[in-house]
Amino acid sequence: MRESITLRPICEGDEGFLFGLFKSVHEQTFAATELNEEQITDLLRMQFEAQQQQFRDRYARADFDLVLRDGAPVGCMYALRGPDAFVLIDIALLPEYRNAGIGRGLVNKLIGHAKDKKKALTAHVRKENPAWQLWQRLGFEVVSDDGVYLQIQVPFAGSPGR
């Protein structure tokens, strides 16, 4: 039986899941510190809240969705599908669902939607993020490098220089 991967808009009751997801992605950053678990959780909570506010302020018209597998939340995907720009803001999956093709499938659909609208798809990725290899396979190219993050893009075939 084939699994069903769907998106649904985030609602108020999803914050606990989203914070747990954020924590699963970022807690390893603090593993080598002398902070205790409570301090790490507090720090991650502050970072999570700041990130969520920044995303909502900067991309007010974006879609903020949970990724569901057979109806159960397994991740999130935030994307702007606007008349002027397509931006993959964030995509994250729980550890047990990573490297299973879920993210690749969702990003491929977003790339297809952007191409249908004759738009490039842009995103940012940390240089050391292992997902960068996936983005390259999906056709993303480096647009700029600030030393920490790469701005990447899947250009639209009809864009200048293509």
N, C-alpha and C. Protein backbone atom coordinates (compact mmCIF):
# COMPACT_ATOMS: atom_id res chain seq x y z
N MET A 1 0.85 -1.19 0.00
CA MET A 1 0.00 0.00 0.00
C MET A 1 0.89 1.25 0.00
N ARG A 2 0.57 2.20 -0.85
CA ARG A 2 1.35 3.42 -0.99
C ARG A 2 0.92 4.44 0.07
N GLU A 3 1.92 5.08 0.69
CA GLU A 3 1.61 6.08 1.70
C GLU A 3 1.09 7.35 1.05
N SER A 4 0.28 8.08 1.79
CA SER A 4 -0.28 9.34 1.32
C SER A 4 0.45 10.49 2.00
N ILE A 5 1.10 11.34 1.20
CA ILE A 5 1.78 12.53 1.72
C ILE A 5 0.96 13.73 1.31
N THR A 6 0.49 14.49 2.30
CA THR A 6 -0.33 15.67 2.03
C THR A 6 0.17 16.84 2.88
N LEU A 7 -0.33 18.01 2.54
CA LEU A 7 -0.04 19.22 3.30
C LEU A 7 -1.35 19.76 3.86
N ARG A 8 -1.28 20.34 5.04
CA ARG A 8 -2.43 21.05 5.59
C ARG A 8 -1.93 22.29 6.31
N PRO A 9 -2.68 23.37 6.23
CA PRO A 9 -2.25 24.60 6.90
C PRO A 9 -2.04 24.38 8.40
N ILE A 10 -1.01 25.01 8.91
CA ILE A 10 -0.73 24.95 10.35
C ILE A 10 -1.82 25.70 11.10
N CYS A 11 -2.22 25.14 12.23
CA CYS A 11 -3.22 25.81 13.07
C CYS A 11 -2.64 25.97 14.48
N GLU A 12 -3.36 26.64 15.31
CA GLU A 12 -2.90 27.00 16.65
C GLU A 12 -2.43 25.78 17.46
N GLY A 13 -3.09 24.68 17.35
CA GLY A 13 -2.76 23.50 18.14
C GLY A 13 -1.51 22.76 17.69
N ASP A 14 -0.86 23.23 16.64
CA ASP A 14 0.30 22.54 16.08
C ASP A 14 1.64 23.00 16.68
N GLU A 15 1.64 24.01 17.54
CA GLU A 15 2.89 24.57 18.02
C GLU A 15 3.77 23.55 18.75
N GLY A 16 3.18 22.69 19.55
CA GLY A 16 3.95 21.67 20.27
C GLY A 16 4.68 20.75 19.30
N PHE A 17 3.98 20.29 18.27
CA PHE A 17 4.62 19.45 17.27
C PHE A 17 5.73 20.21 16.56
N LEU A 18 5.45 21.45 16.18
CA LEU A 18 6.44 22.24 15.44
C LEU A 18 7.69 22.50 16.27
N PHE A 19 7.51 22.76 17.57
CA PHE A 19 8.69 22.95 18.41
C PHE A 19 9.48 21.65 18.55
N GLY A 20 8.80 20.53 18.71
CA GLY A 20 9.50 19.24 18.78
C GLY A 20 10.27 18.96 17.50
N LEU A 21 9.69 19.31 16.36
CA LEU A 21 10.36 19.16 15.07
C LEU A 21 11.59 20.05 15.00
N PHE A 22 11.43 21.32 15.38
CA PHE A 22 12.54 22.27 15.39
C PHE A 22 13.67 21.75 16.28
N LYS A 23 13.29 21.26 17.44
CA LYS A 23 14.27 20.73 18.40
C LYS A 23 15.02 19.54 17.79
N SER A 24 14.31 18.67 17.09
CA SER A 24 14.96 17.50 16.49
C SER A 24 15.97 17.89 15.42
N VAL A 25 15.74 19.02 14.78
CA VAL A 25 16.64 19.48 13.73
C VAL A 25 17.85 20.20 14.32
N HIS A 26 17.65 20.97 15.40
CA HIS A 26 18.68 21.89 15.88
C HIS A 26 19.38 21.52 17.18
N GLU A 27 18.89 20.54 17.94
CA GLU A 27 19.48 20.27 19.25
C GLU A 27 20.91 19.76 19.17
N GLN A 28 21.27 19.10 18.09
CA GLN A 28 22.63 18.58 17.95
C GLN A 28 23.66 19.70 17.94
N THR A 29 23.23 20.90 17.56
CA THR A 29 24.11 22.07 17.55
C THR A 29 24.70 22.33 18.93
N PHE A 30 23.96 21.98 19.97
CA PHE A 30 24.38 22.29 21.34
C PHE A 30 24.92 21.08 22.10
N ALA A 31 25.07 19.96 21.41
CA ALA A 31 25.49 18.72 22.07
C ALA A 31 26.85 18.84 22.74
N ALA A 32 27.75 19.60 22.17
CA ALA A 32 29.11 19.71 22.71
C ALA A 32 29.26 20.82 23.74
N THR A 33 28.16 21.48 24.08
CA THR A 33 28.25 22.57 25.06
C THR A 33 28.09 22.03 26.47
N GLU A 34 28.32 22.87 27.43
CA GLU A 34 28.16 22.48 28.83
C GLU A 34 26.77 22.83 29.35
N LEU A 35 25.87 23.19 28.46
CA LEU A 35 24.51 23.52 28.87
C LEU A 35 23.77 22.24 29.25
N ASN A 36 22.89 22.36 30.25
CA ASN A 36 22.07 21.19 30.60
C ASN A 36 20.85 21.14 29.68
N GLU A 37 20.10 20.06 29.76
CA GLU A 37 18.97 19.85 28.84
C GLU A 37 17.94 20.97 28.93
N GLU A 38 17.65 21.43 30.14
CA GLU A 38 16.67 22.50 30.32
C GLU A 38 17.16 23.80 29.66
N GLN A 39 18.45 24.11 29.82
CA GLN A 39 19.00 25.31 29.20
C GLN A 39 18.95 25.21 27.67
N ILE A 40 19.27 24.04 27.16
CA ILE A 40 19.22 23.84 25.70
C ILE A 40 17.79 24.00 25.20
N THR A 41 16.84 23.41 25.90
CA THR A 41 15.43 23.52 25.51
C THR A 41 14.98 24.98 25.54
N ASP A 42 15.36 25.73 26.58
CA ASP A 42 15.00 27.15 26.67
C ASP A 42 15.60 27.94 25.51
N LEU A 43 16.85 27.67 25.19
CA LEU A 43 17.52 28.36 24.09
C LEU A 43 16.85 28.01 22.76
N LEU A 44 16.55 26.74 22.57
CA LEU A 44 15.88 26.32 21.35
C LEU A 44 14.49 26.93 21.24
N ARG A 45 13.78 27.04 22.36
CA ARG A 45 12.45 27.66 22.36
C ARG A 45 12.54 29.12 21.89
N MET A 46 13.53 29.85 22.40
CA MET A 46 13.71 31.25 21.98
C MET A 46 14.03 31.33 20.48
N GLN A 47 14.90 30.45 20.01
CA GLN A 47 15.25 30.44 18.59
C GLN A 47 14.04 30.07 17.73
N PHE A 48 13.27 29.09 18.16
CA PHE A 48 12.08 28.67 17.44
C PHE A 48 11.09 29.83 17.32
N GLU A 49 10.81 30.48 18.43
CA GLU A 49 9.84 31.59 18.41
C GLU A 49 10.33 32.73 17.53
N ALA A 50 11.62 33.04 17.60
CA ALA A 50 12.18 34.11 16.76
C ALA A 50 12.09 33.73 15.28
N GLN A 51 12.41 32.48 14.97
CA GLN A 51 12.36 32.04 13.58
C GLN A 51 10.92 32.10 13.04
N GLN A 52 9.97 31.60 13.82
CA GLN A 52 8.58 31.61 13.37
C GLN A 52 8.10 33.04 13.12
N GLN A 53 8.46 33.95 14.02
CA GLN A 53 8.04 35.35 13.86
C GLN A 53 8.70 35.96 12.63
N GLN A 54 9.98 35.68 12.44
CA GLN A 54 10.68 36.21 11.27
C GLN A 54 10.05 35.70 9.97
N PHE A 55 9.75 34.41 9.91
CA PHE A 55 9.12 33.85 8.72
C PHE A 55 7.77 34.53 8.45
N ARG A 56 6.96 34.68 9.48
CA ARG A 56 5.63 35.27 9.30
C ARG A 56 5.72 36.75 8.93
N ASP A 57 6.70 37.47 9.49
CA ASP A 57 6.87 38.88 9.15
C ASP A 57 7.37 39.05 7.72
N ARG A 58 8.36 38.25 7.35
CA ARG A 58 9.00 38.40 6.04
C ARG A 58 8.16 37.81 4.91
N TYR A 59 7.42 36.75 5.19
CA TYR A 59 6.65 36.05 4.16
C TYR A 59 5.19 35.93 4.57
N ALA A 60 4.56 37.06 4.80
CA ALA A 60 3.19 37.08 5.32
C ALA A 60 2.21 36.33 4.43
N ARG A 61 2.48 36.25 3.14
CA ARG A 61 1.54 35.60 2.21
C ARG A 61 1.92 34.16 1.88
N ALA A 62 2.86 33.63 2.61
CA ALA A 62 3.32 32.26 2.35
C ALA A 62 2.34 31.23 2.89
N ASP A 63 2.51 30.01 2.42
CA ASP A 63 1.77 28.87 2.95
C ASP A 63 2.63 28.22 4.03
N PHE A 64 2.09 28.12 5.23
CA PHE A 64 2.77 27.48 6.35
C PHE A 64 2.01 26.18 6.62
N ASP A 65 2.58 25.07 6.17
CA ASP A 65 1.87 23.79 6.19
C ASP A 65 2.58 22.73 7.02
N LEU A 66 1.79 21.82 7.59
CA LEU A 66 2.31 20.59 8.15
C LEU A 66 2.40 19.58 7.01
N VAL A 67 3.41 18.74 7.06
CA VAL A 67 3.52 17.61 6.15
C VAL A 67 2.89 16.43 6.88
N LEU A 68 1.92 15.80 6.25
CA LEU A 68 1.23 14.67 6.85
C LEU A 68 1.54 13.41 6.06
N ARG A 69 1.79 12.34 6.78
CA ARG A 69 1.94 11.01 6.16
C ARG A 69 0.78 10.18 6.66
N ASP A 70 -0.07 9.78 5.75
CA ASP A 70 -1.28 9.03 6.11
C ASP A 70 -2.06 9.74 7.22
N GLY A 71 -2.10 11.08 7.14
CA GLY A 71 -2.87 11.89 8.08
C GLY A 71 -2.16 12.30 9.35
N ALA A 72 -0.97 11.75 9.61
CA ALA A 72 -0.23 12.07 10.84
C ALA A 72 0.91 13.05 10.52
N PRO A 73 1.13 14.05 11.38
CA PRO A 73 2.20 15.02 11.10
C PRO A 73 3.59 14.40 11.20
N VAL A 74 4.40 14.67 10.16
CA VAL A 74 5.78 14.17 10.12
C VAL A 74 6.78 15.29 9.81
N GLY A 75 6.27 16.49 9.54
CA GLY A 75 7.17 17.59 9.20
C GLY A 75 6.41 18.85 8.90
N CYS A 76 7.16 19.82 8.35
CA CYS A 76 6.55 21.08 7.94
C CYS A 76 7.19 21.55 6.64
N MET A 77 6.44 22.35 5.91
CA MET A 77 6.94 22.97 4.70
C MET A 77 6.33 24.36 4.62
N TYR A 78 7.21 25.35 4.53
CA TYR A 78 6.78 26.74 4.40
C TYR A 78 7.24 27.20 3.03
N ALA A 79 6.30 27.71 2.22
CA ALA A 79 6.65 28.13 0.87
C ALA A 79 5.81 29.32 0.44
N LEU A 80 6.47 30.24 -0.24
CA LEU A 80 5.79 31.38 -0.85
C LEU A 80 5.56 31.02 -2.30
N ARG A 81 4.31 31.04 -2.70
CA ARG A 81 3.93 30.77 -4.09
C ARG A 81 3.24 32.02 -4.59
N GLY A 82 4.04 33.07 -4.81
CA GLY A 82 3.46 34.37 -5.13
C GLY A 82 3.52 34.70 -6.61
N PRO A 83 2.85 35.79 -6.97
CA PRO A 83 2.85 36.20 -8.37
C PRO A 83 4.23 36.66 -8.84
N ASP A 84 5.07 37.11 -7.91
CA ASP A 84 6.39 37.62 -8.28
C ASP A 84 7.54 36.68 -7.92
N ALA A 85 7.32 35.80 -6.98
CA ALA A 85 8.42 34.95 -6.51
C ALA A 85 7.90 33.65 -5.92
N PHE A 86 8.72 32.62 -6.08
CA PHE A 86 8.51 31.34 -5.42
C PHE A 86 9.71 31.12 -4.51
N VAL A 87 9.45 30.91 -3.22
CA VAL A 87 10.52 30.74 -2.25
C VAL A 87 10.20 29.53 -1.37
N LEU A 88 11.16 28.60 -1.30
CA LEU A 88 11.08 27.53 -0.32
C LEU A 88 11.69 28.10 0.95
N ILE A 89 10.85 28.43 1.91
CA ILE A 89 11.28 29.10 3.13
C ILE A 89 11.92 28.10 4.09
N ASP A 90 11.25 26.97 4.28
CA ASP A 90 11.75 25.96 5.20
C ASP A 90 11.05 24.64 4.91
N ILE A 91 11.78 23.57 5.07
CA ILE A 91 11.20 22.24 5.02
C ILE A 91 11.96 21.40 6.03
N ALA A 92 11.25 20.66 6.86
CA ALA A 92 11.88 19.83 7.88
C ALA A 92 11.00 18.61 8.12
N LEU A 93 11.64 17.50 8.40
CA LEU A 93 10.95 16.26 8.70
C LEU A 93 11.50 15.67 9.99
N LEU A 94 10.66 14.94 10.70
CA LEU A 94 11.13 14.22 11.88
C LEU A 94 12.23 13.25 11.45
N PRO A 95 13.19 12.95 12.34
CA PRO A 95 14.34 12.11 11.96
C PRO A 95 13.96 10.79 11.29
N GLU A 96 12.92 10.14 11.77
CA GLU A 96 12.57 8.83 11.23
C GLU A 96 11.95 8.90 9.83
N TYR A 97 11.66 10.09 9.34
CA TYR A 97 11.08 10.25 8.00
C TYR A 97 12.04 10.92 7.02
N ARG A 98 13.24 11.23 7.48
CA ARG A 98 14.25 11.83 6.59
C ARG A 98 14.84 10.74 5.69
N ASN A 99 15.31 11.16 4.54
CA ASN A 99 15.95 10.24 3.58
C ASN A 99 15.00 9.14 3.10
N ALA A 100 13.71 9.45 3.05
CA ALA A 100 12.72 8.47 2.58
C ALA A 100 12.02 8.95 1.32
N GLY A 101 12.48 10.08 0.76
CA GLY A 101 11.89 10.59 -0.47
C GLY A 101 10.74 11.57 -0.28
N ILE A 102 10.33 11.78 0.96
CA ILE A 102 9.20 12.68 1.23
C ILE A 102 9.58 14.11 0.87
N GLY A 103 10.69 14.59 1.39
CA GLY A 103 11.13 15.95 1.10
C GLY A 103 11.39 16.15 -0.39
N ARG A 104 12.05 15.20 -1.00
CA ARG A 104 12.34 15.29 -2.44
C ARG A 104 11.04 15.42 -3.23
N GLY A 105 10.05 14.62 -2.90
CA GLY A 105 8.78 14.68 -3.61
C GLY A 105 8.08 16.03 -3.45
N LEU A 106 8.09 16.56 -2.23
CA LEU A 106 7.45 17.85 -1.99
C LEU A 106 8.18 18.97 -2.72
N VAL A 107 9.50 18.96 -2.68
CA VAL A 107 10.27 20.01 -3.35
C VAL A 107 10.11 19.89 -4.86
N ASN A 108 10.09 18.67 -5.39
CA ASN A 108 9.86 18.49 -6.83
C ASN A 108 8.51 19.07 -7.25
N LYS A 109 7.48 18.87 -6.45
CA LYS A 109 6.16 19.44 -6.76
C LYS A 109 6.23 20.96 -6.77
N LEU A 110 6.94 21.53 -5.79
CA LEU A 110 7.07 22.98 -5.72
C LEU A 110 7.85 23.51 -6.93
N ILE A 111 8.90 22.81 -7.33
CA ILE A 111 9.66 23.20 -8.53
C ILE A 111 8.73 23.18 -9.75
N GLY A 112 7.93 22.13 -9.88
CA GLY A 112 7.00 22.03 -11.00
C GLY A 112 5.99 23.16 -11.01
N HIS A 113 5.47 23.50 -9.83
CA HIS A 113 4.51 24.59 -9.72
C HIS A 113 5.15 25.91 -10.13
N ALA A 114 6.39 26.14 -9.67
CA ALA A 114 7.11 27.37 -10.04
C ALA A 114 7.32 27.43 -11.55
N LYS A 115 7.73 26.33 -12.14
CA LYS A 115 7.96 26.30 -13.59
C LYS A 115 6.67 26.53 -14.35
N ASP A 116 5.56 25.96 -13.86
CA ASP A 116 4.26 26.20 -14.50
C ASP A 116 3.91 27.68 -14.52
N LYS A 117 4.33 28.39 -13.47
CA LYS A 117 4.06 29.83 -13.36
C LYS A 117 5.19 30.67 -13.96
N LYS A 118 6.17 29.98 -14.58
CA LYS A 118 7.32 30.64 -15.22
C LYS A 118 8.14 31.47 -14.23
N LYS A 119 8.36 30.89 -13.05
CA LYS A 119 9.13 31.54 -11.98
C LYS A 119 10.27 30.64 -11.55
N ALA A 120 11.36 31.27 -11.14
CA ALA A 120 12.44 30.53 -10.50
C ALA A 120 12.00 30.21 -9.07
N LEU A 121 12.58 29.17 -8.49
CA LEU A 121 12.34 28.83 -7.09
C LEU A 121 13.63 29.10 -6.34
N THR A 122 13.58 29.93 -5.30
CA THR A 122 14.77 30.23 -4.51
C THR A 122 14.63 29.66 -3.10
N ALA A 123 15.77 29.50 -2.45
CA ALA A 123 15.82 28.99 -1.08
C ALA A 123 17.16 29.38 -0.49
N HIS A 124 17.32 29.15 0.80
CA HIS A 124 18.59 29.31 1.50
C HIS A 124 18.90 28.00 2.20
N VAL A 125 20.18 27.65 2.24
CA VAL A 125 20.60 26.43 2.93
C VAL A 125 21.95 26.70 3.58
N ARG A 126 22.12 26.20 4.79
CA ARG A 126 23.43 26.30 5.44
C ARG A 126 24.44 25.50 4.63
N LYS A 127 25.62 26.02 4.51
CA LYS A 127 26.64 25.38 3.67
C LYS A 127 26.93 23.95 4.09
N GLU A 128 26.91 23.67 5.39
CA GLU A 128 27.24 22.31 5.85
C GLU A 128 26.02 21.39 5.94
N ASN A 129 24.85 21.86 5.54
CA ASN A 129 23.64 21.05 5.61
C ASN A 129 23.73 19.91 4.61
N PRO A 130 23.59 18.66 5.07
CA PRO A 130 23.65 17.53 4.15
C PRO A 130 22.56 17.57 3.07
N ALA A 131 21.48 18.30 3.31
CA ALA A 131 20.41 18.42 2.31
C ALA A 131 20.88 19.15 1.06
N TRP A 132 21.99 19.89 1.15
CA TRP A 132 22.49 20.61 -0.01
C TRP A 132 22.74 19.65 -1.18
N GLN A 133 23.17 18.43 -0.89
CA GLN A 133 23.37 17.44 -1.96
C GLN A 133 22.05 17.13 -2.66
N LEU A 134 20.97 17.03 -1.91
CA LEU A 134 19.65 16.80 -2.50
C LEU A 134 19.26 17.99 -3.36
N TRP A 135 19.45 19.20 -2.84
CA TRP A 135 19.06 20.39 -3.61
C TRP A 135 19.79 20.42 -4.94
N GLN A 136 21.07 20.06 -4.94
CA GLN A 136 21.84 20.03 -6.19
C GLN A 136 21.23 19.03 -7.18
N ARG A 137 20.89 17.85 -6.70
CA ARG A 137 20.28 16.83 -7.57
C ARG A 137 18.94 17.30 -8.13
N LEU A 138 18.25 18.15 -7.40
CA LEU A 138 16.96 18.66 -7.86
C LEU A 138 17.10 19.85 -8.81
N GLY A 139 18.33 20.29 -9.06
CA GLY A 139 18.55 21.37 -10.02
C GLY A 139 18.84 22.73 -9.43
N PHE A 140 18.98 22.82 -8.11
CA PHE A 140 19.32 24.11 -7.50
C PHE A 140 20.76 24.48 -7.82
N GLU A 141 20.99 25.76 -8.05
CA GLU A 141 22.32 26.31 -8.31
C GLU A 141 22.58 27.41 -7.29
N VAL A 142 23.85 27.63 -6.96
CA VAL A 142 24.22 28.69 -6.02
C VAL A 142 24.09 30.05 -6.70
N VAL A 143 23.38 30.95 -6.05
CA VAL A 143 23.23 32.32 -6.52
C VAL A 143 24.18 33.23 -5.75
N SER A 144 24.30 33.00 -4.43
CA SER A 144 25.22 33.77 -3.61
C SER A 144 25.62 32.95 -2.39
N ASP A 145 26.72 33.37 -1.77
CA ASP A 145 27.31 32.68 -0.62
C ASP A 145 27.76 33.73 0.37
N ASP A 146 27.12 33.77 1.55
CA ASP A 146 27.51 34.77 2.56
C ASP A 146 28.50 34.21 3.58
N GLY A 147 29.02 33.01 3.32
CA GLY A 147 29.97 32.39 4.22
C GLY A 147 29.32 31.36 5.14
N VAL A 148 28.04 31.53 5.45
CA VAL A 148 27.31 30.60 6.29
C VAL A 148 26.18 29.95 5.50
N TYR A 149 25.43 30.77 4.77
CA TYR A 149 24.30 30.29 3.99
C TYR A 149 24.57 30.46 2.50
N LEU A 150 24.02 29.54 1.74
CA LEU A 150 24.00 29.65 0.29
C LEU A 150 22.60 30.09 -0.12
N GLN A 151 22.50 31.09 -0.96
CA GLN A 151 21.22 31.36 -1.60
C GLN A 151 21.24 30.51 -2.86
N ILE A 152 20.21 29.69 -3.01
CA ILE A 152 20.17 28.76 -4.12
C ILE A 152 18.90 28.97 -4.93
N GLN A 153 18.91 28.49 -6.16
CA GLN A 153 17.78 28.73 -7.04
C GLN A 153 17.69 27.65 -8.11
N VAL A 154 16.47 27.28 -8.42
CA VAL A 154 16.19 26.49 -9.62
C VAL A 154 15.66 27.52 -10.61
N PRO A 155 16.48 27.89 -11.60
CA PRO A 155 16.04 28.94 -12.52
C PRO A 155 14.93 28.46 -13.43
N PHE A 156 14.11 29.38 -13.86
CA PHE A 156 13.10 29.08 -14.86
C PHE A 156 13.79 29.05 -16.20
N ALA A 157 13.50 28.06 -17.01
CA ALA A 157 14.19 27.87 -18.30
C ALA A 157 14.08 29.06 -19.22
N GLY A 158 13.04 29.88 -19.08
CA GLY A 158 12.87 31.04 -19.94
C GLY A 158 13.47 32.31 -19.38
N SER A 159 14.16 32.21 -18.23
CA SER A 159 14.71 33.41 -17.61
C SER A 159 15.95 33.88 -18.37
N PRO A 160 16.35 35.15 -18.24
CA PRO A 160 17.52 35.65 -18.95
C PRO A 160 18.74 34.79 -18.66
N GLY A 161 19.54 34.55 -19.66
CA GLY A 161 20.73 33.73 -19.49
C GLY A 161 20.46 32.26 -19.65
N ARG A 162 19.23 31.86 -19.88
CA ARG A 162 18.88 30.44 -20.02
C ARG A 162 18.54 30.12 -21.45
